[in-house]
N, C-alpha and C. Protein backbone atom coordinates (compact mmCIF):
# COMPACT_ATOMS: atom_id res chain seq x y z
N MET A 1 -46.24 0.05 14.56
CA MET A 1 -45.89 1.15 15.42
C MET A 1 -44.81 0.79 16.44
N PRO A 2 -44.80 -0.47 16.94
CA PRO A 2 -43.73 -0.81 17.88
C PRO A 2 -42.34 -0.70 17.25
N LEU A 3 -42.23 -0.94 15.94
CA LEU A 3 -40.94 -0.81 15.27
C LEU A 3 -40.46 0.65 15.29
N VAL A 4 -41.35 1.57 15.09
CA VAL A 4 -41.00 2.99 15.11
C VAL A 4 -40.52 3.39 16.50
N HIS A 5 -41.19 2.92 17.53
CA HIS A 5 -40.78 3.22 18.91
C HIS A 5 -39.41 2.61 19.21
N TYR A 6 -39.20 1.39 18.73
CA TYR A 6 -37.90 0.73 18.94
C TYR A 6 -36.78 1.51 18.25
N LEU A 7 -36.98 1.91 17.00
CA LEU A 7 -35.97 2.66 16.27
C LEU A 7 -35.71 4.02 16.92
N TYR A 8 -36.78 4.67 17.37
CA TYR A 8 -36.62 5.96 18.05
C TYR A 8 -35.78 5.79 19.32
N ALA A 9 -36.09 4.77 20.09
CA ALA A 9 -35.34 4.52 21.32
C ALA A 9 -33.88 4.17 21.03
N ALA A 10 -33.66 3.41 19.98
CA ALA A 10 -32.29 3.03 19.62
C ALA A 10 -31.49 4.25 19.18
N VAL A 11 -32.09 5.13 18.39
CA VAL A 11 -31.40 6.33 17.94
C VAL A 11 -31.12 7.26 19.11
N GLN A 12 -32.08 7.42 19.98
CA GLN A 12 -31.89 8.28 21.16
C GLN A 12 -30.77 7.74 22.05
N ALA A 13 -30.74 6.44 22.25
CA ALA A 13 -29.69 5.83 23.08
C ALA A 13 -28.32 6.05 22.46
N ARG A 14 -28.25 5.93 21.14
CA ARG A 14 -26.96 6.13 20.46
C ARG A 14 -26.50 7.58 20.54
N ILE A 15 -27.43 8.51 20.42
CA ILE A 15 -27.08 9.93 20.53
C ILE A 15 -26.56 10.25 21.93
N VAL A 16 -27.21 9.72 22.94
CA VAL A 16 -26.76 9.93 24.32
C VAL A 16 -25.37 9.33 24.51
N GLU A 17 -25.14 8.15 23.96
CA GLU A 17 -23.85 7.49 24.09
C GLU A 17 -22.75 8.31 23.40
N LEU A 18 -23.04 8.86 22.24
CA LEU A 18 -22.04 9.67 21.53
C LEU A 18 -21.75 10.97 22.26
N ARG A 19 -22.74 11.55 22.88
CA ARG A 19 -22.51 12.80 23.60
C ARG A 19 -21.72 12.60 24.89
N THR A 20 -21.93 11.48 25.57
CA THR A 20 -21.22 11.24 26.82
C THR A 20 -19.84 10.65 26.60
N GLU A 21 -19.62 10.05 25.47
CA GLU A 21 -18.33 9.43 25.18
C GLU A 21 -17.37 10.51 24.69
N SER A 22 -16.34 10.81 25.48
CA SER A 22 -15.46 11.93 25.14
C SER A 22 -14.21 11.50 24.38
N ASP A 23 -13.91 10.23 24.34
CA ASP A 23 -12.70 9.76 23.67
C ASP A 23 -12.99 9.63 22.18
N ARG A 24 -12.59 10.64 21.42
CA ARG A 24 -12.84 10.64 19.98
C ARG A 24 -11.55 10.53 19.18
N GLY A 25 -10.43 10.26 19.81
CA GLY A 25 -9.17 10.15 19.08
C GLY A 25 -8.35 11.42 19.21
N ASP A 26 -7.23 11.42 18.52
CA ASP A 26 -6.32 12.55 18.57
C ASP A 26 -6.82 13.71 17.71
N SER A 27 -6.33 14.85 18.05
CA SER A 27 -6.61 16.05 17.26
C SER A 27 -5.79 15.98 15.97
N PRO A 28 -6.27 16.56 14.89
CA PRO A 28 -5.50 16.53 13.64
C PRO A 28 -4.27 17.45 13.65
N VAL A 29 -4.20 18.34 14.64
CA VAL A 29 -3.07 19.28 14.68
C VAL A 29 -1.74 18.57 14.90
N PRO A 30 -1.60 17.66 15.87
CA PRO A 30 -0.30 16.97 16.01
C PRO A 30 0.06 16.17 14.76
N THR A 31 -0.92 15.59 14.10
CA THR A 31 -0.64 14.85 12.88
C THR A 31 -0.11 15.79 11.80
N ALA A 32 -0.71 16.96 11.67
CA ALA A 32 -0.25 17.93 10.68
C ALA A 32 1.17 18.40 10.99
N ILE A 33 1.48 18.58 12.27
CA ILE A 33 2.83 19.00 12.66
C ILE A 33 3.84 17.92 12.33
N ILE A 34 3.50 16.67 12.58
CA ILE A 34 4.40 15.56 12.26
C ILE A 34 4.63 15.49 10.75
N ILE A 35 3.58 15.64 9.96
CA ILE A 35 3.72 15.57 8.50
C ILE A 35 4.58 16.74 8.00
N ALA A 36 4.39 17.92 8.56
CA ALA A 36 5.21 19.07 8.16
C ALA A 36 6.68 18.83 8.52
N GLY A 37 6.92 18.27 9.69
CA GLY A 37 8.29 17.96 10.09
C GLY A 37 8.94 16.94 9.17
N LEU A 38 8.18 15.92 8.78
CA LEU A 38 8.72 14.92 7.85
C LEU A 38 9.02 15.54 6.49
N ALA A 39 8.19 16.47 6.05
CA ALA A 39 8.43 17.14 4.77
C ALA A 39 9.70 17.99 4.83
N VAL A 40 9.91 18.68 5.94
CA VAL A 40 11.12 19.49 6.11
C VAL A 40 12.35 18.59 6.13
N MET A 41 12.27 17.48 6.82
CA MET A 41 13.41 16.55 6.85
C MET A 41 13.69 15.99 5.46
N ALA A 42 12.63 15.66 4.70
CA ALA A 42 12.83 15.14 3.34
C ALA A 42 13.49 16.17 2.45
N LEU A 43 13.07 17.44 2.56
CA LEU A 43 13.70 18.49 1.76
C LEU A 43 15.16 18.71 2.15
N THR A 44 15.46 18.58 3.43
CA THR A 44 16.84 18.71 3.90
C THR A 44 17.71 17.60 3.32
N ILE A 45 17.21 16.38 3.37
CA ILE A 45 17.96 15.25 2.81
C ILE A 45 18.13 15.41 1.31
N LEU A 46 17.08 15.86 0.62
CA LEU A 46 17.18 16.09 -0.81
C LEU A 46 18.21 17.16 -1.14
N GLY A 47 18.24 18.23 -0.36
CA GLY A 47 19.23 19.28 -0.57
C GLY A 47 20.64 18.79 -0.33
N ALA A 48 20.83 17.98 0.70
CA ALA A 48 22.16 17.43 0.98
C ALA A 48 22.61 16.49 -0.14
N ALA A 49 21.70 15.70 -0.66
CA ALA A 49 22.04 14.79 -1.75
C ALA A 49 22.38 15.58 -3.01
N ALA A 50 21.63 16.64 -3.30
CA ALA A 50 21.92 17.47 -4.48
C ALA A 50 23.28 18.14 -4.33
N ALA A 51 23.60 18.61 -3.14
CA ALA A 51 24.90 19.24 -2.91
C ALA A 51 26.04 18.23 -3.08
N ALA A 52 25.82 17.01 -2.63
CA ALA A 52 26.84 15.98 -2.79
C ALA A 52 27.06 15.64 -4.26
N VAL A 53 25.98 15.57 -5.01
CA VAL A 53 26.11 15.28 -6.44
C VAL A 53 26.83 16.41 -7.15
N ARG A 54 26.51 17.66 -6.80
CA ARG A 54 27.21 18.80 -7.41
C ARG A 54 28.70 18.78 -7.06
N GLY A 55 29.02 18.37 -5.83
CA GLY A 55 30.42 18.28 -5.42
C GLY A 55 31.17 17.22 -6.20
N TRP A 56 30.54 16.07 -6.41
CA TRP A 56 31.18 15.01 -7.20
C TRP A 56 31.31 15.42 -8.66
N ASP A 57 30.31 16.15 -9.15
CA ASP A 57 30.34 16.60 -10.54
C ASP A 57 31.51 17.57 -10.74
N ALA A 58 31.80 18.38 -9.77
CA ALA A 58 32.89 19.34 -9.89
C ALA A 58 34.25 18.64 -9.93
N LEU A 59 34.34 17.43 -9.41
CA LEU A 59 35.61 16.69 -9.41
C LEU A 59 35.91 16.03 -10.75
N ILE A 60 34.94 15.91 -11.64
CA ILE A 60 35.13 15.26 -12.94
C ILE A 60 35.75 16.28 -13.90
N PRO A 61 36.89 15.96 -14.49
CA PRO A 61 37.50 16.90 -15.42
C PRO A 61 36.65 17.06 -16.69
N GLY A 62 36.42 18.28 -17.07
CA GLY A 62 35.66 18.56 -18.28
C GLY A 62 34.18 18.33 -18.16
N ALA A 63 33.66 18.23 -16.96
CA ALA A 63 32.24 17.95 -16.77
C ALA A 63 31.37 19.13 -17.18
N GLY A 64 31.90 20.31 -17.14
CA GLY A 64 31.11 21.50 -17.48
C GLY A 64 31.06 21.78 -18.97
N SER A 65 31.92 21.12 -19.76
CA SER A 65 31.94 21.41 -21.19
C SER A 65 31.08 20.40 -21.94
N ASN A 66 30.58 20.81 -23.08
CA ASN A 66 29.76 19.95 -23.91
C ASN A 66 30.63 19.35 -25.01
N PRO A 67 30.85 18.03 -25.01
CA PRO A 67 31.73 17.43 -26.02
C PRO A 67 31.17 17.55 -27.44
N ALA A 68 29.89 17.71 -27.59
CA ALA A 68 29.30 17.81 -28.93
C ALA A 68 29.60 19.16 -29.59
N SER A 69 29.93 20.17 -28.78
CA SER A 69 30.17 21.50 -29.34
C SER A 69 31.62 21.67 -29.81
N LYS A 70 32.46 20.71 -29.60
CA LYS A 70 33.88 20.83 -30.00
C LYS A 70 34.09 20.41 -31.43
């Protein structure tokens, strides 16, 4: 029976400690905003790279024609 009392007291003490301890870390909202911002930046960089490749492709003579069809 003393073991049951000890475990009960230990659990009660831990519950009180968790309720009074207010520092639980950051909210997930700022993390989600940061991740969304990184995704937007990645898409912007991807779009800029695709535009650059299309621009270089336009400079190659005959790049739009298929040599196999001639």
